Amino acid sequence: MSPGALRRRVTIEAPADAPDGAGGVVRGFAPLAQACAALEPVSAAEAEQGRAAGLRRLWRVTIRARGDVTGGCRLVWREKRFDVLSVRPLDADGRYEELLCEETAP
């Protein structure tokens, strides 16, 4: 992976819980960082969401290794949102990470 291949600017968001006023919490996201990334669609498969059939879109996203991006984080690119499902080192030197992400509705 060459640094020139990371041409897209994404916002990395981390889970952030806020009190809901009734003793519980509401899950939200707070910006963590911006990063240059390479995005590649992996697959699109039909998935049932409740009673409606939808299309599950998986993406492979490559970023420079950060160490603070985990499953449960979210990426935003243009008008698209991606839930990070997994993170793994991409090279033996630990310079890059590969994120498996699922595109979600905005």
C-alpha atoms as a PDB file:
ATOM      1  CA  MET A   1       0.000   0.000   0.000  1.00  0.00           C
ATOM      2  CA  SER A   2       1.476   3.318  -0.985  1.00  0.00           C
ATOM      3  CA  PRO A   3       0.531   6.548   0.805  1.00  0.00           C
ATOM      4  CA  GLY A   4      -0.668   7.912  -2.541  1.00  0.00           C
ATOM      5  CA  ALA A   5      -3.460   5.332  -2.596  1.00  0.00           C
ATOM      6  CA  LEU A   6      -5.110   6.903   0.471  1.00  0.00           C
ATOM      7  CA  ARG A   7      -6.981   9.574  -1.485  1.00  0.00           C
ATOM      8  CA  ARG A   8     -10.295   9.908   0.330  1.00  0.00           C
ATOM      9  CA  ARG A   9     -10.815  12.013   3.452  1.00  0.00           C
ATOM     10  CA  VAL A  10     -12.953  10.285   6.094  1.00  0.00           C
ATOM     11  CA  THR A  11     -14.086  11.313   9.548  1.00  0.00           C
ATOM     12  CA  ILE A  12     -13.628   8.701  12.251  1.00  0.00           C
ATOM     13  CA  GLU A  13     -16.261   8.812  14.985  1.00  0.00           C
ATOM     14  CA  ALA A  14     -16.117   7.032  18.342  1.00  0.00           C
ATOM     15  CA  PRO A  15     -19.150   5.871  20.346  1.00  0.00           C
ATOM     16  CA  ALA A  16     -20.254   8.459  22.902  1.00  0.00           C
ATOM     17  CA  ASP A  17     -23.019   7.837  25.415  1.00  0.00           C
ATOM     18  CA  ALA A  18     -25.137  10.736  26.693  1.00  0.00           C
ATOM     19  CA  PRO A  19     -27.612  10.643  29.611  1.00  0.00           C
ATOM     20  CA  ASP A  20     -31.230  10.404  28.448  1.00  0.00           C
ATOM     21  CA  GLY A  21     -32.672  12.108  31.545  1.00  0.00           C
ATOM     22  CA  ALA A  22     -34.419   8.947  32.728  1.00  0.00           C
ATOM     23  CA  GLY A  23     -31.410   7.163  34.171  1.00  0.00           C
ATOM     24  CA  GLY A  24     -30.342   5.543  30.916  1.00  0.00           C
ATOM     25  CA  VAL A  25     -28.107   6.539  28.069  1.00  0.00           C
ATOM     26  CA  VAL A  26     -28.493   7.343  24.405  1.00  0.00           C
ATOM     27  CA  ARG A  27     -25.791   6.012  22.077  1.00  0.00           C
ATOM     28  CA  GLY A  28     -24.321   8.642  19.840  1.00  0.00           C
ATOM     29  CA  PHE A  29     -21.027   9.334  18.123  1.00  0.00           C
ATOM     30  CA  ALA A  30     -18.406  12.038  18.570  1.00  0.00           C
ATOM     31  CA  PRO A  31     -15.700  12.966  16.058  1.00  0.00           C
ATOM     32  CA  LEU A  32     -12.387  11.296  16.896  1.00  0.00           C
ATOM     33  CA  ALA A  33     -10.172  12.264  13.951  1.00  0.00           C
ATOM     34  CA  GLN A  34      -9.936  12.792  10.221  1.00  0.00           C
ATOM     35  CA  ALA A  35      -7.876  10.394   8.135  1.00  0.00           C
ATOM     36  CA  CYS A  36      -6.918   9.719   4.542  1.00  0.00           C
ATOM     37  CA  ALA A  37      -8.292   6.393   3.376  1.00  0.00           C
ATOM     38  CA  ALA A  38      -8.753   4.032   0.460  1.00  0.00           C
ATOM     39  CA  LEU A  39     -12.329   2.720   0.146  1.00  0.00           C
ATOM     40  CA  GLU A  40     -13.249  -0.362  -1.830  1.00  0.00           C
ATOM     41  CA  PRO A  41     -16.674  -2.010  -2.051  1.00  0.00           C
ATOM     42  CA  VAL A  42     -16.453  -5.685  -1.112  1.00  0.00           C
ATOM     43  CA  SER A  43     -19.961  -7.045  -1.523  1.00  0.00           C
ATOM     44  CA  ALA A  44     -23.628  -6.264  -1.542  1.00  0.00           C
ATOM     45  CA  ALA A  45     -26.027  -8.920  -0.336  1.00  0.00           C
ATOM     46  CA  GLU A  46     -29.691  -8.889   0.533  1.00  0.00           C
ATOM     47  CA  ALA A  47     -30.326  -8.667   4.250  1.00  0.00           C
ATOM     48  CA  GLU A  48     -33.574  -8.646   6.160  1.00  0.00           C
ATOM     49  CA  GLN A  49     -33.917  -5.660   8.440  1.00  0.00           C
ATOM     50  CA  GLY A  50     -37.067  -6.084  10.461  1.00  0.00           C
ATOM     51  CA  ARG A  51     -39.750  -6.844   7.898  1.00  0.00           C
ATOM     52  CA  ALA A  52     -38.178  -4.910   5.049  1.00  0.00           C
ATOM     53  CA  ALA A  53     -35.579  -6.466   2.798  1.00  0.00           C
ATOM     54  CA  GLY A  54     -32.557  -4.291   2.309  1.00  0.00           C
ATOM     55  CA  LEU A  55     -29.157  -4.420   0.749  1.00  0.00           C
ATOM     56  CA  ARG A  56     -26.162  -4.991   3.016  1.00  0.00           C
ATOM     57  CA  ARG A  57     -23.115  -3.227   1.572  1.00  0.00           C
ATOM     58  CA  LEU A  58     -19.698  -4.158   2.893  1.00  0.00           C
ATOM     59  CA  TRP A  59     -16.623  -2.004   2.286  1.00  0.00           C
ATOM     60  CA  ARG A  60     -12.888  -2.490   2.852  1.00  0.00           C
ATOM     61  CA  VAL A  61     -11.298   0.708   4.143  1.00  0.00           C
ATOM     62  CA  THR A  62      -7.537   1.149   4.507  1.00  0.00           C
ATOM     63  CA  ILE A  63      -6.055   3.836   6.760  1.00  0.00           C
ATOM     64  CA  ARG A  64      -2.692   4.535   8.364  1.00  0.00           C
ATOM     65  CA  ALA A  65      -2.540   2.594  11.628  1.00  0.00           C
ATOM     66  CA  ARG A  66      -3.853   4.584  14.564  1.00  0.00           C
ATOM     67  CA  GLY A  67      -4.511   2.038  17.298  1.00  0.00           C
ATOM     68  CA  ASP A  68      -7.679   3.774  18.534  1.00  0.00           C
ATOM     69  CA  VAL A  69     -10.132   2.619  15.841  1.00  0.00           C
ATOM     70  CA  THR A  70     -12.131  -0.428  16.941  1.00  0.00           C
ATOM     71  CA  GLY A  71     -15.298  -2.284  16.039  1.00  0.00           C
ATOM     72  CA  GLY A  72     -18.148  -0.045  17.122  1.00  0.00           C
ATOM     73  CA  CYS A  73     -16.589   3.098  15.687  1.00  0.00           C
ATOM     74  CA  ARG A  74     -18.091   4.761  12.643  1.00  0.00           C
ATOM     75  CA  LEU A  75     -16.696   6.399   9.508  1.00  0.00           C
ATOM     76  CA  VAL A  76     -18.293   9.209   7.527  1.00  0.00           C
ATOM     77  CA  TRP A  77     -17.335   9.815   3.903  1.00  0.00           C
ATOM     78  CA  ARG A  78     -19.287  12.271   1.799  1.00  0.00           C
ATOM     79  CA  GLU A  79     -22.925  11.545   2.666  1.00  0.00           C
ATOM     80  CA  LYS A  80     -22.259   7.902   3.577  1.00  0.00           C
ATOM     81  CA  ARG A  81     -21.897   6.341   7.015  1.00  0.00           C
ATOM     82  CA  PHE A  82     -20.060   3.117   7.728  1.00  0.00           C
ATOM     83  CA  ASP A  83     -20.168   1.009  10.901  1.00  0.00           C
ATOM     84  CA  VAL A  84     -16.738  -0.485  11.613  1.00  0.00           C
ATOM     85  CA  LEU A  85     -17.203  -4.236  12.064  1.00  0.00           C
ATOM     86  CA  SER A  86     -13.551  -5.263  12.458  1.00  0.00           C
ATOM     87  CA  VAL A  87     -10.024  -3.886  12.322  1.00  0.00           C
ATOM     88  CA  ARG A  88      -6.867  -5.796  11.419  1.00  0.00           C
ATOM     89  CA  PRO A  89      -3.248  -4.899  10.651  1.00  0.00           C
ATOM     90  CA  LEU A  90      -2.662  -4.848   6.923  1.00  0.00           C
ATOM     91  CA  ASP A  91       1.119  -5.181   6.817  1.00  0.00           C
ATOM     92  CA  ALA A  92       3.870  -6.727   8.934  1.00  0.00           C
ATOM     93  CA  ASP A  93       5.252  -3.304   9.859  1.00  0.00           C
ATOM     94  CA  GLY A  94       1.939  -2.197  11.368  1.00  0.00           C
ATOM     95  CA  ARG A  95       1.790   0.943   9.225  1.00  0.00           C
ATOM     96  CA  TYR A  96      -1.719   0.366   7.857  1.00  0.00           C
ATOM     97  CA  GLU A  97      -5.004  -1.016   9.169  1.00  0.00           C
ATOM     98  CA  GLU A  98      -7.807  -2.599   7.189  1.00  0.00           C
ATOM     99  CA  LEU A  99     -11.333  -1.925   8.407  1.00  0.00           C
ATOM    100  CA  LEU A 100     -14.276  -4.062   7.360  1.00  0.00           C
ATOM    101  CA  CYS A 101     -17.265  -1.728   7.353  1.00  0.00           C
ATOM    102  CA  GLU A 102     -20.977  -1.925   6.660  1.00  0.00           C
ATOM    103  CA  GLU A 103     -22.634   1.013   4.945  1.00  0.00           C
ATOM    104  CA  THR A 104     -25.613   2.266   6.922  1.00  0.00           C
ATOM    105  CA  ALA A 105     -28.471   4.557   6.013  1.00  0.00           C
ATOM    106  CA  PRO A 106     -27.695   8.241   6.709  1.00  0.00           C
END
